[in-house]
Amino acid sequence: MRIKKTKIWMIASIVLAVLFVAALGFAIKGTKGIGEKAAGEKVTEFFKTYQDLDITVDNVQAVSGMYKISVSANGQKGDIYVSKDGNYLGSMTDLEKLSAQSNTETEQTTPEVTKSDKPKVELFIMSYCPYGTQTQKALIPAWELLGSKADISVKFVDYAMHGEKEVYENLRQYCIQKEQSGKYIAYLKCFLQDGNYSNCVATAKLDSAKLDKCMNATDKEFAITANLKDQSKWVSGRYPQFNIDADLNTKYGVQGSPTMVINGAQVNVGRSPDAVKTAICTAFNTAPSECSTALSTTQESAGFGFGTGAAVSDSAQCG
């Protein structure tokens, strides 16, 4: 699969530098001199919550009015400098070097989005990735606005980072789209509130028997449960394969959640409804009248629950 070791630090250094000031405030804003132990714990919690990344804090030291927190993950090390009140991020050791390595190893030629009469929009996600759910929430209003004038669907990254629950939720959403597509948005609106899928099956008035039959058949076809149980086949020894859309992952070079593909080309899209609408509308040969409708320009919150949250870079991913 396509998890590169430098991808972790590309996220942690480049993306985190953008969102750390706002998001870390969630954890320790307003405190002064919280102490070295607490600072290390809060940074660990932050990485886990916002980056789906387990880090090890090797050392915390108070230096020049800041905490220098030495961390490691997957054999790589770096230093994070955090102000004692938790409102400022300094830098990471060898940031330029790590960024250059990441860019060199992951650099791809991004094709331009071609226009069409009916743009094909494919959003690749992991169903419990906070950035995937964030982008799904931004997609829904544009999807409802454009309706069948664009060919919009949710696809799935070919590995799962959030355990068994994600494997089966991916499978569930696949089957809802496949056999009860008219009820998918209603289900998704409910699920994105708090992740309670059982309530949402009832709320969206899905045919449970039909859904179960599809899930069982698809499970066998793509060896979903078999791959979940066979850790020898897990990606990097950590993440079970989820191969329903594996061919498309390879075709488009998908490397994380979310990844949006429009007319066969990856695009980096802002995570507000209007930004998503605009990205889709620019791919029409002739944009329909709906494209002139203004949607919310407010970035959706990461994770479950609708509303605004800590600022997150448009490039933040699980992967």
Foldseek 3Di string as FASTA:
>chain_A
DDDDPLVLVLCVAVFCQVFQLQQQCVQQAPDAQPDQVVVQVSVQVSCCVQAVFHKDFPDWDDDPQWIWTWIDGPHDIWTWTAHRSRRDTDHIPCSVVSNVVVCVVPPDDFDDQAAAQAKEKEKEAQPQFLQQLLQVVLALVLCVLCPRSHRYDYHYDFWHSPADLRLVVNLLLVLCCVPVVVLNSQLSVVCLAPNPNVVSCVRSVPDVVSSVVSSVVVCVVQVSVVQRPPLVNADVSRIGTRCPPVVVCVQAVDDFPTWMAINSGTDQFASHNLRNNVVNQVRHPDGDPSSVDDGDPARFGGGGRTDHGRDGDSPRGHD
